[in-house]
Structures are given as C-alpha cells and as structure tokens.
C-alpha atoms as a PDB file:
ATOM      1  CA  MET A   1     -30.028  28.781  -3.053  1.00  0.00           C
ATOM      2  CA  LYS A   2     -26.463  27.762  -3.775  1.00  0.00           C
ATOM      3  CA  ALA A   3     -25.211  29.834  -0.835  1.00  0.00           C
ATOM      4  CA  THR A   4     -27.804  28.221   1.422  1.00  0.00           C
ATOM      5  CA  LYS A   5     -26.810  24.731   0.298  1.00  0.00           C
ATOM      6  CA  MET A   6     -23.138  25.571   0.802  1.00  0.00           C
ATOM      7  CA  LEU A   7     -23.867  26.728   4.369  1.00  0.00           C
ATOM      8  CA  ASN A   8     -25.767  23.498   5.086  1.00  0.00           C
ATOM      9  CA  ASP A   9     -22.888  21.441   3.650  1.00  0.00           C
ATOM     10  CA  ILE A  10     -20.418  23.286   5.883  1.00  0.00           C
ATOM     11  CA  LYS A  11     -22.612  22.605   8.921  1.00  0.00           C
ATOM     12  CA  THR A  12     -22.751  18.944   7.960  1.00  0.00           C
ATOM     13  CA  LEU A  13     -18.950  18.714   7.540  1.00  0.00           C
ATOM     14  CA  LEU A  14     -18.397  20.421  10.888  1.00  0.00           C
ATOM     15  CA  ASN A  15     -20.913  18.060  12.476  1.00  0.00           C
ATOM     16  CA  ILE A  16     -22.954  20.988  13.746  1.00  0.00           C
ATOM     17  CA  GLU A  17     -26.379  19.799  14.834  1.00  0.00           C
ATOM     18  CA  VAL A  18     -29.120  22.385  14.208  1.00  0.00           C
ATOM     19  CA  ASN A  19     -32.557  21.773  15.647  1.00  0.00           C
ATOM     20  CA  LEU A  20     -35.113  23.078  13.148  1.00  0.00           C
ATOM     21  CA  GLU A  21     -38.706  23.909  13.886  1.00  0.00           C
ATOM     22  CA  GLU A  22     -41.435  22.696  11.587  1.00  0.00           C
ATOM     23  CA  MET A  23     -44.681  24.562  10.928  1.00  0.00           C
ATOM     24  CA  LYS A  24     -47.362  24.728   8.275  1.00  0.00           C
ATOM     25  CA  LEU A  25     -48.606  27.349   5.887  1.00  0.00           C
ATOM     26  CA  GLU A  26     -52.283  28.125   5.554  1.00  0.00           C
ATOM     27  CA  ASN A  27     -52.516  25.672   2.614  1.00  0.00           C
ATOM     28  CA  GLY A  28     -50.916  22.837   4.629  1.00  0.00           C
ATOM     29  CA  THR A  29     -47.405  23.105   3.133  1.00  0.00           C
ATOM     30  CA  VAL A  30     -44.775  22.132   5.753  1.00  0.00           C
ATOM     31  CA  ILE A  31     -41.870  24.524   6.223  1.00  0.00           C
ATOM     32  CA  THR A  32     -38.907  24.416   8.591  1.00  0.00           C
ATOM     33  CA  THR A  33     -36.547  26.985  10.120  1.00  0.00           C
ATOM     34  CA  GLU A  34     -34.154  27.230  13.019  1.00  0.00           C
ATOM     35  CA  SER A  35     -36.306  29.993  14.465  1.00  0.00           C
ATOM     36  CA  LEU A  36     -39.103  32.064  12.950  1.00  0.00           C
ATOM     37  CA  GLU A  37     -37.045  35.254  13.079  1.00  0.00           C
ATOM     38  CA  LYS A  38     -35.738  37.764  10.566  1.00  0.00           C
ATOM     39  CA  GLY A  39     -32.517  36.670   8.840  1.00  0.00           C
ATOM     40  CA  ASN A  40     -32.920  32.925   9.504  1.00  0.00           C
ATOM     41  CA  GLU A  41     -33.081  30.349   6.743  1.00  0.00           C
ATOM     42  CA  VAL A  42     -36.446  28.860   5.837  1.00  0.00           C
ATOM     43  CA  PHE A  43     -37.146  25.764   3.753  1.00  0.00           C
ATOM     44  CA  ILE A  44     -40.085  23.891   2.278  1.00  0.00           C
ATOM     45  CA  VAL A  45     -40.052  20.249   3.413  1.00  0.00           C
ATOM     46  CA  THR A  46     -40.502  17.689   0.607  1.00  0.00           C
ATOM     47  CA  ASP A  47     -40.446  13.890   0.709  1.00  0.00           C
ATOM     48  CA  ASP A  48     -36.700  13.523   0.224  1.00  0.00           C
ATOM     49  CA  GLU A  49     -35.123  16.938   0.877  1.00  0.00           C
ATOM     50  CA  LYS A  50     -35.555  20.565   1.839  1.00  0.00           C
ATOM     51  CA  VAL A  51     -36.092  23.352  -0.706  1.00  0.00           C
ATOM     52  CA  ALA A  52     -35.171  26.980  -0.072  1.00  0.00           C
ATOM     53  CA  MET A  53     -38.395  28.936   0.144  1.00  0.00           C
ATOM     54  CA  PRO A  54     -39.007  31.140  -2.920  1.00  0.00           C
ATOM     55  CA  VAL A  55     -39.388  34.915  -2.650  1.00  0.00           C
ATOM     56  CA  GLY A  56     -42.929  35.932  -1.663  1.00  0.00           C
ATOM     57  CA  GLU A  57     -45.436  36.407   1.155  1.00  0.00           C
ATOM     58  CA  TYR A  58     -47.007  33.431   2.931  1.00  0.00           C
ATOM     59  CA  ILE A  59     -49.809  33.055   5.499  1.00  0.00           C
ATOM     60  CA  LEU A  60     -48.825  30.691   8.319  1.00  0.00           C
ATOM     61  CA  GLU A  61     -51.250  28.280   9.936  1.00  0.00           C
ATOM     62  CA  ASP A  62     -51.429  30.544  13.000  1.00  0.00           C
ATOM     63  CA  GLY A  63     -52.406  33.537  10.805  1.00  0.00           C
ATOM     64  CA  LYS A  64     -49.018  35.289  10.806  1.00  0.00           C
ATOM     65  CA  LEU A  65     -47.571  36.720   7.621  1.00  0.00           C
ATOM     66  CA  LEU A  66     -44.163  35.329   6.547  1.00  0.00           C
ATOM     67  CA  ILE A  67     -42.253  37.570   4.134  1.00  0.00           C
ATOM     68  CA  VAL A  68     -39.328  36.182   2.035  1.00  0.00           C
ATOM     69  CA  GLU A  69     -37.461  38.833   0.049  1.00  0.00           C
ATOM     70  CA  GLU A  70     -34.375  36.723  -0.657  1.00  0.00           C
ATOM     71  CA  GLU A  71     -34.728  33.051  -1.560  1.00  0.00           C
ATOM     72  CA  GLY A  72     -34.588  30.915   1.581  1.00  0.00           C
ATOM     73  CA  ILE A  73     -34.146  33.882   3.987  1.00  0.00           C
ATOM     74  CA  ILE A  74     -36.804  35.288   6.337  1.00  0.00           C
ATOM     75  CA  ALA A  75     -37.229  39.042   5.729  1.00  0.00           C
ATOM     76  CA  ASP A  76     -39.972  39.586   8.301  1.00  0.00           C
ATOM     77  CA  VAL A  77     -42.768  37.912  10.305  1.00  0.00           C
ATOM     78  CA  ARG A  78     -45.876  40.010  10.971  1.00  0.00           C
ATOM     79  CA  ASP A  79     -49.283  39.658  12.505  1.00  0.00           C
ATOM     80  CA  VAL A  80     -52.022  40.141   9.884  1.00  0.00           C
ATOM     81  CA  SER A  81     -54.572  42.788  11.088  1.00  0.00           C
ATOM     82  CA  ASP A  82     -56.528  45.769   9.872  1.00  0.00           C
ATOM     83  CA  ASP A  83     -53.612  48.004  10.847  1.00  0.00           C
ATOM     84  CA  VAL A  84     -51.039  45.807   9.093  1.00  0.00           C
ATOM     85  CA  PRO A  85     -52.240  44.773   5.613  1.00  0.00           C
ATOM     86  CA  ALA A  86     -50.853  41.631   3.988  1.00  0.00           C
ATOM     87  CA  LYS A  87     -48.724  43.609   1.512  1.00  0.00           C
ATOM     88  CA  GLU A  88     -47.585  46.554   3.595  1.00  0.00           C
ATOM     89  CA  GLU A  89     -44.880  48.757   2.112  1.00  0.00           C
ATOM     90  CA  ILE A  90     -43.207  46.178  -0.113  1.00  0.00           C
ATOM     91  CA  THR A  91     -39.603  47.277  -0.811  1.00  0.00           C
ATOM     92  CA  GLU A  92     -38.264  48.191  -4.225  1.00  0.00           C
ATOM     93  CA  ASP A  93     -36.681  44.738  -4.490  1.00  0.00           C
ATOM     94  CA  LEU A  94     -40.246  43.291  -4.545  1.00  0.00           C
ATOM     95  CA  GLU A  95     -41.469  45.276  -7.562  1.00  0.00           C
ATOM     96  CA  GLU A  96     -41.391  42.060  -9.557  1.00  0.00           C
ATOM     97  CA  GLU A  97     -43.981  40.675  -7.089  1.00  0.00           C
ATOM     98  CA  GLU A  98     -46.588  43.140  -8.405  1.00  0.00           C
ATOM     99  CA  GLU A  99     -47.405  40.590 -11.105  1.00  0.00           C
ATOM    100  CA  MET A 100     -48.361  38.050  -8.447  1.00  0.00           C
ATOM    101  CA  ALA A 101     -51.905  38.115  -7.051  1.00  0.00           C
ATOM    102  CA  ASP A 102     -52.723  38.889  -3.428  1.00  0.00           C
ATOM    103  CA  VAL A 103     -52.188  35.979  -0.991  1.00  0.00           C
ATOM    104  CA  ALA A 104     -55.848  36.002  -0.105  1.00  0.00           C
ATOM    105  CA  ASP A 105     -56.742  35.662  -3.758  1.00  0.00           C
ATOM    106  CA  TRP A 106     -57.148  32.066  -4.884  1.00  0.00           C
ATOM    107  CA  GLU A 107     -55.529  32.715  -8.269  1.00  0.00           C
ATOM    108  CA  GLY A 108     -52.541  34.197  -6.473  1.00  0.00           C
ATOM    109  CA  MET A 109     -52.371  31.115  -4.269  1.00  0.00           C
ATOM    110  CA  GLU A 110     -52.402  28.859  -7.337  1.00  0.00           C
ATOM    111  CA  LYS A 111     -49.590  30.870  -8.850  1.00  0.00           C
ATOM    112  CA  ARG A 112     -47.600  30.633  -5.623  1.00  0.00           C
ATOM    113  CA  ILE A 113     -48.125  26.865  -5.454  1.00  0.00           C
ATOM    114  CA  GLN A 114     -46.993  26.624  -9.059  1.00  0.00           C
ATOM    115  CA  ASN A 115     -43.876  28.620  -8.167  1.00  0.00           C
ATOM    116  CA  LEU A 116     -43.128  26.155  -5.366  1.00  0.00           C
ATOM    117  CA  GLU A 117     -43.624  23.191  -7.672  1.00  0.00           C
ATOM    118  CA  ASP A 118     -41.361  24.782 -10.295  1.00  0.00           C
ATOM    119  CA  ALA A 119     -38.691  25.415  -7.677  1.00  0.00           C
ATOM    120  CA  ILE A 120     -38.861  21.786  -6.525  1.00  0.00           C
ATOM    121  CA  ALA A 121     -38.666  20.546 -10.143  1.00  0.00           C
ATOM    122  CA  ASP A 122     -35.644  22.768 -10.818  1.00  0.00           C
ATOM    123  CA  LEU A 123     -33.920  21.459  -7.713  1.00  0.00           C
ATOM    124  CA  LYS A 124     -34.534  17.840  -8.728  1.00  0.00           C
ATOM    125  CA  GLY A 125     -33.320  18.632 -12.243  1.00  0.00           C
ATOM    126  CA  ASP A 126     -30.124  20.143 -10.822  1.00  0.00           C
ATOM    127  CA  LYS A 127     -29.699  17.010  -8.718  1.00  0.00           C
ATOM    128  CA  VAL A 128     -30.043  14.745 -11.776  1.00  0.00           C
ATOM    129  CA  GLU A 129     -27.584  16.859 -13.786  1.00  0.00           C
ATOM    130  CA  LYS A 130     -25.132  16.818 -10.916  1.00  0.00           C
ATOM    131  CA  SER A 131     -25.483  13.031 -10.618  1.00  0.00           C
ATOM    132  CA  GLU A 132     -24.750  12.657 -14.344  1.00  0.00           C
ATOM    133  CA  GLU A 133     -21.713  14.951 -14.073  1.00  0.00           C
ATOM    134  CA  GLU A 134     -20.401  13.015 -11.066  1.00  0.00           C
ATOM    135  CA  GLU A 135     -20.902   9.747 -12.968  1.00  0.00           C
ATOM    136  CA  LYS A 136     -18.910  11.136 -15.906  1.00  0.00           C
ATOM    137  CA  GLU A 137     -16.138  12.262 -13.546  1.00  0.00           C
ATOM    138  CA  GLU A 138     -16.055   8.808 -11.933  1.00  0.00           C
ATOM    139  CA  MET A 139     -15.883   7.160 -15.360  1.00  0.00           C
ATOM    140  CA  SER A 140     -13.070   9.536 -16.312  1.00  0.00           C
ATOM    141  CA  GLU A 141     -11.147   8.549 -13.173  1.00  0.00           C
ATOM    142  CA  GLU A 142     -11.715   4.854 -13.972  1.00  0.00           C
ATOM    143  CA  VAL A 143     -10.308   5.380 -17.467  1.00  0.00           C
ATOM    144  CA  LYS A 144      -7.250   7.137 -16.025  1.00  0.00           C
ATOM    145  CA  GLU A 145      -6.636   4.278 -13.593  1.00  0.00           C
ATOM    146  CA  GLU A 146      -7.032   1.728 -16.405  1.00  0.00           C
ATOM    147  CA  VAL A 147      -4.427   3.569 -18.481  1.00  0.00           C
ATOM    148  CA  LYS A 148      -2.027   3.529 -15.507  1.00  0.00           C
ATOM    149  CA  VAL A 149      -2.548  -0.222 -15.026  1.00  0.00           C
ATOM    150  CA  ARG A 150      -1.958  -0.936 -18.722  1.00  0.00           C
ATOM    151  CA  SER A 151       1.226   1.178 -18.723  1.00  0.00           C
ATOM    152  CA  ALA A 152       2.550  -0.557 -15.583  1.00  0.00           C
ATOM    153  CA  ARG A 153       1.759  -3.956 -17.097  1.00  0.00           C
ATOM    154  CA  GLU A 154       3.673  -3.161 -20.315  1.00  0.00           C
ATOM    155  CA  LYS A 155       6.699  -2.012 -18.291  1.00  0.00           C
ATOM    156  CA  LEU A 156       6.573  -5.233 -16.280  1.00  0.00           C
ATOM    157  CA  TYR A 157       6.395  -7.385 -19.415  1.00  0.00           C
ATOM    158  CA  LYS A 158       9.376  -5.549 -20.876  1.00  0.00           C
ATOM    159  CA  SER A 159      11.348  -5.975 -17.640  1.00  0.00           C
ATOM    160  CA  LEU A 160      10.610  -9.717 -17.615  1.00  0.00           C
ATOM    161  CA  ASP A 161      11.704 -10.073 -21.240  1.00  0.00           C
ATOM    162  CA  ASN A 162      14.959  -8.251 -20.544  1.00  0.00           C
ATOM    163  CA  SER A 163      15.572 -10.410 -17.453  1.00  0.00           C
ATOM    164  CA  PHE A 164      14.935 -13.670 -19.301  1.00  0.00           C
ATOM    165  CA  SER A 165      17.073 -12.722 -22.304  1.00  0.00           C
ATOM    166  CA  PRO A 166      20.519 -13.512 -20.778  1.00  0.00           C
ATOM    167  CA  ILE A 167      19.165 -16.723 -19.235  1.00  0.00           C
ATOM    168  CA  ILE A 168      17.896 -17.871 -22.624  1.00  0.00           C
ATOM    169  CA  GLN A 169      21.273 -17.054 -24.146  1.00  0.00           C
ATOM    170  CA  ILE A 170      23.051 -19.012 -21.415  1.00  0.00           C
ATOM    171  CA  GLU A 171      20.757 -21.996 -21.931  1.00  0.00           C
ATOM    172  CA  ARG A 172      21.418 -21.861 -25.654  1.00  0.00           C
ATOM    173  CA  LEU A 173      25.167 -21.757 -25.059  1.00  0.00           C
ATOM    174  CA  VAL A 174      24.954 -24.587 -22.521  1.00  0.00           C
ATOM    175  CA  ASP A 175      23.203 -26.720 -25.118  1.00  0.00           C
ATOM    176  CA  GLU A 176      26.146 -26.060 -27.414  1.00  0.00           C
ATOM    177  CA  ILE A 177      28.717 -27.357 -24.906  1.00  0.00           C
ATOM    178  CA  PRO A 178      30.107 -30.594 -26.451  1.00  0.00           C
ATOM    179  CA  ASP A 179      30.239 -33.823 -24.501  1.00  0.00           C
ATOM    180  CA  LYS A 180      33.899 -34.290 -25.425  1.00  0.00           C
ATOM    181  CA  ILE A 181      36.732 -32.590 -27.253  1.00  0.00           C
ATOM    182  CA  ASP A 182      37.077 -34.061 -30.724  1.00  0.00           C
ATOM    183  CA  GLY A 183      40.510 -34.513 -32.322  1.00  0.00           C
ATOM    184  CA  PHE A 184      42.559 -35.213 -29.232  1.00  0.00           C
ATOM    185  CA  LYS A 185      42.698 -38.968 -29.852  1.00  0.00           C
ATOM    186  CA  GLU A 186      43.694 -38.381 -33.477  1.00  0.00           C
ATOM    187  CA  PHE A 187      46.491 -36.058 -32.387  1.00  0.00           C
ATOM    188  CA  GLN A 188      47.567 -38.499 -29.685  1.00  0.00           C
ATOM    189  CA  ASP A 189      47.653 -41.489 -32.066  1.00  0.00           C
ATOM    190  CA  ALA A 190      49.710 -39.530 -34.626  1.00  0.00           C
ATOM    191  CA  LEU A 191      52.140 -38.485 -31.875  1.00  0.00           C
ATOM    192  CA  TYR A 192      52.528 -42.100 -30.698  1.00  0.00           C
ATOM    193  CA  LYS A 193      53.300 -43.227 -34.259  1.00  0.00           C
ATOM    194  CA  MET A 194      55.865 -40.431 -34.607  1.00  0.00           C
ATOM    195  CA  GLU A 195      57.517 -41.483 -31.334  1.00  0.00           C
ATOM    196  CA  ALA A 196      57.584 -45.129 -32.517  1.00  0.00           C
ATOM    197  CA  GLN A 197      59.116 -44.145 -35.871  1.00  0.00           C
ATOM    198  CA  PHE A 198      61.710 -42.012 -34.089  1.00  0.00           C
ATOM    199  CA  GLN A 199      62.664 -44.965 -31.864  1.00  0.00           C
ATOM    200  CA  LYS A 200      63.048 -47.211 -34.960  1.00  0.00           C
ATOM    201  CA  ASP A 201      65.293 -44.654 -36.669  1.00  0.00           C
ATOM    202  CA  GLN A 202      67.429 -44.328 -33.559  1.00  0.00           C
ATOM    203  CA  GLN A 203      67.728 -48.105 -33.350  1.00  0.00           C
ATOM    204  CA  LYS A 204      68.940 -48.319 -36.976  1.00  0.00           C
ATOM    205  CA  VAL A 205      71.657 -45.781 -36.260  1.00  0.00           C
ATOM    206  CA  LYS A 206      72.811 -47.826 -33.254  1.00  0.00           C
ATOM    207  CA  ASP A 207      72.831 -51.015 -35.321  1.00  0.00           C
ATOM    208  CA  PHE A 208      75.061 -49.369 -37.981  1.00  0.00           C
ATOM    209  CA  GLU A 209      77.387 -48.101 -35.261  1.00  0.00           C
ATOM    210  CA  ASN A 210      77.736 -51.633 -33.823  1.00  0.00           C
ATOM    211  CA  GLU A 211      78.429 -53.172 -37.254  1.00  0.00           C
ATOM    212  CA  LEU A 212      80.984 -50.593 -38.231  1.00  0.00           C
ATOM    213  CA  GLY A 213      82.414 -50.087 -34.785  1.00  0.00           C
ATOM    214  CA  VAL A 214      82.405 -46.329 -35.180  1.00  0.00           C
ATOM    215  CA  LYS A 215      80.271 -43.456 -33.892  1.00  0.00           C
ATOM    216  CA  ILE A 216      77.869 -42.198 -36.554  1.00  0.00           C
ATOM    217  CA  ASP A 217      76.520 -38.643 -36.445  1.00  0.00           C
ATOM    218  CA  SER A 218      72.731 -38.477 -36.436  1.00  0.00           C
ATOM    219  CA  PRO A 219      71.257 -37.368 -39.767  1.00  0.00           C
ATOM    220  CA  LYS A 220      69.952 -33.790 -39.853  1.00  0.00           C
ATOM    221  CA  SER A 221      66.447 -35.041 -40.597  1.00  0.00           C
ATOM    222  CA  LEU A 222      66.554 -37.154 -37.452  1.00  0.00           C
ATOM    223  CA  SER A 223      67.782 -34.240 -35.344  1.00  0.00           C
ATOM    224  CA  ALA A 224      64.955 -32.044 -36.672  1.00  0.00           C
ATOM    225  CA  ALA A 225      62.452 -34.804 -35.940  1.00  0.00           C
ATOM    226  CA  VAL A 226      63.705 -34.953 -32.346  1.00  0.00           C
ATOM    227  CA  LYS A 227      63.026 -31.252 -31.837  1.00  0.00           C
ATOM    228  CA  ASP A 228      59.571 -31.524 -33.403  1.00  0.00           C
ATOM    229  CA  LEU A 229      58.801 -34.529 -31.264  1.00  0.00           C
ATOM    230  CA  GLU A 230      59.713 -32.653 -28.067  1.00  0.00           C
ATOM    231  CA  VAL A 231      57.411 -29.748 -29.057  1.00  0.00           C
ATOM    232  CA  PHE A 232      54.520 -32.118 -29.806  1.00  0.00           C
ATOM    233  CA  GLN A 233      55.024 -33.953 -26.534  1.00  0.00           C
ATOM    234  CA  ASN A 234      54.880 -30.663 -24.596  1.00  0.00           C
ATOM    235  CA  ASP A 235      51.747 -29.639 -26.523  1.00  0.00           C
ATOM    236  CA  GLU A 236      50.168 -32.980 -25.684  1.00  0.00           C
ATOM    237  CA  GLY A 237      50.658 -32.257 -21.980  1.00  0.00           C
ATOM    238  CA  PHE A 238      49.115 -28.753 -22.227  1.00  0.00           C
ATOM    239  CA  ILE A 239      46.168 -29.995 -24.266  1.00  0.00           C
ATOM    240  CA  ARG A 240      45.480 -32.840 -21.845  1.00  0.00           C
ATOM    241  CA  ARG A 241      45.439 -30.334 -18.955  1.00  0.00           C
ATOM    242  CA  ASP A 242      43.041 -27.998 -20.809  1.00  0.00           C
ATOM    243  CA  ILE A 243      40.691 -30.880 -21.623  1.00  0.00           C
ATOM    244  CA  ASN A 244      40.529 -31.879 -17.963  1.00  0.00           C
ATOM    245  CA  GLU A 245      39.730 -28.258 -17.000  1.00  0.00           C
ATOM    246  CA  PHE A 246      37.010 -28.078 -19.642  1.00  0.00           C
ATOM    247  CA  ASN A 247      35.387 -31.284 -18.391  1.00  0.00           C
ATOM    248  CA  LYS A 248      35.253 -29.937 -14.831  1.00  0.00           C
ATOM    249  CA  LYS A 249      33.608 -26.633 -15.816  1.00  0.00           C
ATOM    250  CA  ALA A 250      31.236 -28.130 -18.369  1.00  0.00           C
ATOM    251  CA  LYS A 251      29.970 -30.508 -15.701  1.00  0.00           C
ATOM    252  CA  LYS A 252      28.609 -27.515 -13.711  1.00  0.00           C
ATOM    253  CA  TYR A 253      26.285 -26.426 -16.534  1.00  0.00           C
ATOM    254  CA  ARG A 254      25.059 -29.767 -17.783  1.00  0.00           C
END
C-alpha cells in the first residue's frame, strides 16, 4: 500500500492526470481503476479517499471475477462460469486465503467486508498518526525558530549596549567640563602685586641714587626678583592662551 501511495504521490507531483474508471462489486461497494486489466492498480472508493483493495477474490456487478493477489494490484479478471469456478487454481501465494470462505458464501462475504472495514480503519489510523507526527515536527521547527530569534535579540541588545557605552562616557565627561578655569585670577592678582612691589623697590633705588648723586648697584634680592618676575609674566601669557583654547573647545560640547 505504501508503494501504491508513493506512485500516486509521484503522479500528483508530476501533474499527471489519470482518468480512472469506477465500477461496483456485487455487494454495491464502489471500486476504481485506470483499466480493468491485469497489473493495474485498483482501489476501494470511500467518502474522503481511496483505499488499496485488499488481497482476495471479488464478484463484480457484471458477474466477472476480480482476483487481487497483491494489495491494490489486479492479478486477473475472469468470467464466472461452470468451466471457470470462482476459485480456480489459486497460486501458492494465496494459501492464506484458504481460511476465508467462498465468495458465494454469505459468511465469507461478511468476513471480506470486515477485512475491507479493517483496512479502511488502519488507513485512517495511519493518517491520524502521520498528522500527529507532522504536528510534532512543525512544533519542533517553531521551537528552533524561536531559539534563533532569542539568540539574535540577545546579540542585538549586546551590540546596542556596546555602542552606547562610549557615548555615555563622553556625556559623563562633558558634564565634568568646568565653566571656567579656577585659580587664574588668583595667580594674576599675585603677579600684579609682585610687579607693583618690584616697581616700588626700583623707585627707592633711584631715589637713593638722586640723593647721593652716585650710581647704586641693585641688591641681589632685587635682581633675583626681576628674573622671577620675567618668568611669571611669560607663564601668564601661556596660561592665558591655554584658557582661551579651552573655552573654544569646551563650547563645542556644552
């Protein structure tokens, strides 16, 4: 039956249209086949599908004898007559059929009908099992896809965190940029006082020179103060330049 189903599936995939004939058995059961000839497939027609015909001998509505030695395959079609009995020369493969009653016997017919019903039930059971297996496979695929989505999401979150990290650091550093440089005014005021004191000391020396009428050498402490004052004045120029540069750059980030 699996081989028969596989063949039908292949025909369906290849879009091969097969015109099947329908006919009835003596008991009214509808069967279908491409042609009532040896070697062709034969099926029992149910409400929702076709079932491969079980092994056995069947009387057709027109009185012919249909012999099935392999499930779903016509072994022979004969005319029932006195010269050709219903169970003529059954092959060795049909020894198991000896347990079944003659077709003409009502008990044998009941057994054959039961066989058909069992075959249909088995087919439906296989269909249900297959449906459950397919559902499990689909659920398994859904779980796999969910795992992929979760993994991709975690990678994205990590990438976002890494991307935001330097920005957060920059913002933190920007907040730490002072509005002004403390200490410059203090340094500047001290330098101005030093310059004023130096000018007073120089003026005293000049006053002594005028009173005495002689040239007086500058004290060593005054000479040292002059050198220090020149260094501080140069530093004041460098610091003022750096503060101006800082204010320009800090303005970009505020």
